Amino acid sequence: MKTKIILLIGASFFLAFAACKKQEMAMDESKLEASAPSVAPSGPVETYIPPQSQYGTVTQCPVTKDKVVVNKETAAVRYAGEAYYFCCPSCIDAFKSNPEKYKNQ
């Protein structure tokens, strides 16, 4: 498991993205190049900023199934009229490559 360290005004924050890294490592580079575009039968996957009314909502990342607590910095997209929240930006890339796979999960 890799750990990312961010230094901010003398404080250290350790963020572990183990689940997402496992997902990334499992993807073959050739599959990434050949992946479908982000426009699917239900329309494009659009970047989405969660509204303040959603802050504190507990949901699940459709890619890793990890718990996500929505806040202003939560990775999110809109697809087919629905908002999807992710545990990290890498999961958005996986979702964009095949949104129909994750749509109803």
C-alpha atoms as a PDB file:
ATOM      1  CA  MET A   1       0.000   0.000   0.000  1.00  0.00           C
ATOM      2  CA  LYS A   2       1.415   3.359  -0.992  1.00  0.00           C
ATOM      3  CA  THR A   3       0.903   6.333   1.289  1.00  0.00           C
ATOM      4  CA  LYS A   4       0.825   9.885   0.001  1.00  0.00           C
ATOM      5  CA  ILE A   5       2.116  12.632   2.273  1.00  0.00           C
ATOM      6  CA  ILE A   6       0.979  16.205   1.929  1.00  0.00           C
ATOM      7  CA  LEU A   7       2.741  18.901   3.962  1.00  0.00           C
ATOM      8  CA  LEU A   8       0.626  21.919   4.692  1.00  0.00           C
ATOM      9  CA  ILE A   9       1.967  24.637   7.005  1.00  0.00           C
ATOM     10  CA  GLY A  10       4.014  22.195   9.047  1.00  0.00           C
ATOM     11  CA  ALA A  11       1.260  19.609   9.412  1.00  0.00           C
ATOM     12  CA  SER A  12       1.356  16.176   7.827  1.00  0.00           C
ATOM     13  CA  PHE A  13      -1.688  14.495   6.415  1.00  0.00           C
ATOM     14  CA  PHE A  14      -1.454  10.858   5.429  1.00  0.00           C
ATOM     15  CA  LEU A  15      -3.873   9.718   2.798  1.00  0.00           C
ATOM     16  CA  ALA A  16      -4.066   6.092   1.796  1.00  0.00           C
ATOM     17  CA  PHE A  17      -5.744   5.245  -1.451  1.00  0.00           C
ATOM     18  CA  ALA A  18      -5.136   1.501  -1.271  1.00  0.00           C
ATOM     19  CA  ALA A  19      -8.437   0.449  -2.805  1.00  0.00           C
ATOM     20  CA  CYS A  20      -8.061   2.816  -5.744  1.00  0.00           C
ATOM     21  CA  LYS A  21      -4.438   1.853  -6.330  1.00  0.00           C
ATOM     22  CA  LYS A  22      -5.414  -1.824  -6.427  1.00  0.00           C
ATOM     23  CA  GLN A  23      -8.014  -0.968  -9.041  1.00  0.00           C
ATOM     24  CA  GLU A  24      -5.482   1.017 -11.089  1.00  0.00           C
ATOM     25  CA  MET A  25      -2.867  -1.717 -10.920  1.00  0.00           C
ATOM     26  CA  ALA A  26      -5.395  -4.271 -12.115  1.00  0.00           C
ATOM     27  CA  MET A  27      -6.051  -2.285 -15.281  1.00  0.00           C
ATOM     28  CA  ASP A  28      -3.894  -3.263 -18.212  1.00  0.00           C
ATOM     29  CA  GLU A  29      -2.437  -0.265 -20.089  1.00  0.00           C
ATOM     30  CA  SER A  30      -3.675  -1.622 -23.396  1.00  0.00           C
ATOM     31  CA  LYS A  31      -7.211  -1.730 -21.985  1.00  0.00           C
ATOM     32  CA  LEU A  32      -6.910   1.880 -20.864  1.00  0.00           C
ATOM     33  CA  GLU A  33      -5.948   2.995 -24.366  1.00  0.00           C
ATOM     34  CA  ALA A  34      -8.818   1.045 -25.896  1.00  0.00           C
ATOM     35  CA  SER A  35     -11.406   2.116 -23.312  1.00  0.00           C
ATOM     36  CA  ALA A  36     -14.683   3.574 -24.445  1.00  0.00           C
ATOM     37  CA  PRO A  37     -15.113   7.335 -24.622  1.00  0.00           C
ATOM     38  CA  SER A  38     -16.928   9.095 -21.799  1.00  0.00           C
ATOM     39  CA  VAL A  39     -20.029   9.523 -23.949  1.00  0.00           C
ATOM     40  CA  ALA A  40     -22.306   6.558 -23.360  1.00  0.00           C
ATOM     41  CA  PRO A  41     -25.848   5.706 -24.437  1.00  0.00           C
ATOM     42  CA  SER A  42     -27.241   7.716 -21.521  1.00  0.00           C
ATOM     43  CA  GLY A  43     -25.197  10.813 -22.396  1.00  0.00           C
ATOM     44  CA  PRO A  44     -21.892  12.288 -21.310  1.00  0.00           C
ATOM     45  CA  VAL A  45     -20.358  11.984 -17.869  1.00  0.00           C
ATOM     46  CA  GLU A  46     -20.164  15.547 -16.531  1.00  0.00           C
ATOM     47  CA  THR A  47     -18.044  16.948 -13.718  1.00  0.00           C
ATOM     48  CA  TYR A  48     -20.246  17.809 -10.761  1.00  0.00           C
ATOM     49  CA  ILE A  49     -19.726  19.916  -7.654  1.00  0.00           C
ATOM     50  CA  PRO A  50     -21.884  18.666  -4.797  1.00  0.00           C
ATOM     51  CA  PRO A  51     -24.398  21.260  -3.565  1.00  0.00           C
ATOM     52  CA  GLN A  52     -24.151  22.313   0.059  1.00  0.00           C
ATOM     53  CA  SER A  53     -27.446  20.564   0.751  1.00  0.00           C
ATOM     54  CA  GLN A  54     -25.660  17.232   0.122  1.00  0.00           C
ATOM     55  CA  TYR A  55     -22.767  17.871   2.557  1.00  0.00           C
ATOM     56  CA  GLY A  56     -22.660  15.196   5.234  1.00  0.00           C
ATOM     57  CA  THR A  57     -24.600  12.674   3.158  1.00  0.00           C
ATOM     58  CA  VAL A  58     -23.072   9.205   3.460  1.00  0.00           C
ATOM     59  CA  THR A  59     -22.999   7.251   0.212  1.00  0.00           C
ATOM     60  CA  GLN A  60     -20.904   4.601  -1.504  1.00  0.00           C
ATOM     61  CA  CYS A  61     -18.273   4.893  -4.242  1.00  0.00           C
ATOM     62  CA  PRO A  62     -19.740   2.963  -7.205  1.00  0.00           C
ATOM     63  CA  VAL A  63     -16.273   1.701  -8.199  1.00  0.00           C
ATOM     64  CA  THR A  64     -14.658   0.527  -4.929  1.00  0.00           C
ATOM     65  CA  LYS A  65     -17.797   0.348  -2.750  1.00  0.00           C
ATOM     66  CA  ASP A  66     -15.980   2.431  -0.094  1.00  0.00           C
ATOM     67  CA  LYS A  67     -18.014   4.729   2.152  1.00  0.00           C
ATOM     68  CA  VAL A  68     -18.001   8.376   1.018  1.00  0.00           C
ATOM     69  CA  VAL A  69     -19.113  11.332   3.136  1.00  0.00           C
ATOM     70  CA  VAL A  70     -20.053  14.128   0.741  1.00  0.00           C
ATOM     71  CA  ASN A  71     -18.404  17.528   1.195  1.00  0.00           C
ATOM     72  CA  LYS A  72     -17.341  20.386  -1.089  1.00  0.00           C
ATOM     73  CA  GLU A  73     -14.190  18.507  -2.149  1.00  0.00           C
ATOM     74  CA  THR A  74     -15.803  15.137  -2.873  1.00  0.00           C
ATOM     75  CA  ALA A  75     -15.014  13.769  -6.345  1.00  0.00           C
ATOM     76  CA  ALA A  76     -18.337  13.639  -8.201  1.00  0.00           C
ATOM     77  CA  VAL A  77     -19.955  13.421 -11.629  1.00  0.00           C
ATOM     78  CA  ARG A  78     -23.439  13.555 -13.092  1.00  0.00           C
ATOM     79  CA  TYR A  79     -24.507  10.839 -15.487  1.00  0.00           C
ATOM     80  CA  ALA A  80     -27.962  10.065 -16.864  1.00  0.00           C
ATOM     81  CA  GLY A  81     -29.528  12.594 -14.487  1.00  0.00           C
ATOM     82  CA  GLU A  82     -27.943  11.083 -11.358  1.00  0.00           C
ATOM     83  CA  ALA A  83     -25.087  12.298  -9.162  1.00  0.00           C
ATOM     84  CA  TYR A  84     -22.315   9.808  -8.387  1.00  0.00           C
ATOM     85  CA  TYR A  85     -19.792  10.378  -5.582  1.00  0.00           C
ATOM     86  CA  PHE A  86     -16.335   8.769  -5.486  1.00  0.00           C
ATOM     87  CA  CYS A  87     -13.682   8.038  -2.875  1.00  0.00           C
ATOM     88  CA  CYS A  88     -10.943   9.485  -5.127  1.00  0.00           C
ATOM     89  CA  PRO A  89     -10.384  11.015  -8.594  1.00  0.00           C
ATOM     90  CA  SER A  90      -8.977   7.725  -9.953  1.00  0.00           C
ATOM     91  CA  CYS A  91     -12.391   6.153  -9.522  1.00  0.00           C
ATOM     92  CA  ILE A  92     -13.932   8.834 -11.747  1.00  0.00           C
ATOM     93  CA  ASP A  93     -11.621   7.699 -14.557  1.00  0.00           C
ATOM     94  CA  ALA A  94     -12.767   4.093 -14.102  1.00  0.00           C
ATOM     95  CA  PHE A  95     -16.405   5.221 -14.075  1.00  0.00           C
ATOM     96  CA  LYS A  96     -15.941   7.346 -17.210  1.00  0.00           C
ATOM     97  CA  SER A  97     -14.431   4.415 -19.093  1.00  0.00           C
ATOM     98  CA  ASN A  98     -17.636   2.386 -18.626  1.00  0.00           C
ATOM     99  CA  PRO A  99     -20.391   4.245 -16.755  1.00  0.00           C
ATOM    100  CA  GLU A 100     -23.046   1.647 -17.553  1.00  0.00           C
ATOM    101  CA  LYS A 101     -21.026  -0.949 -15.611  1.00  0.00           C
ATOM    102  CA  TYR A 102     -21.238   1.124 -12.416  1.00  0.00           C
ATOM    103  CA  LYS A 103     -24.505   2.977 -13.008  1.00  0.00           C
ATOM    104  CA  ASN A 104     -26.853   0.772 -10.976  1.00  0.00           C
ATOM    105  CA  GLN A 105     -24.456  -0.414  -8.299  1.00  0.00           C
END
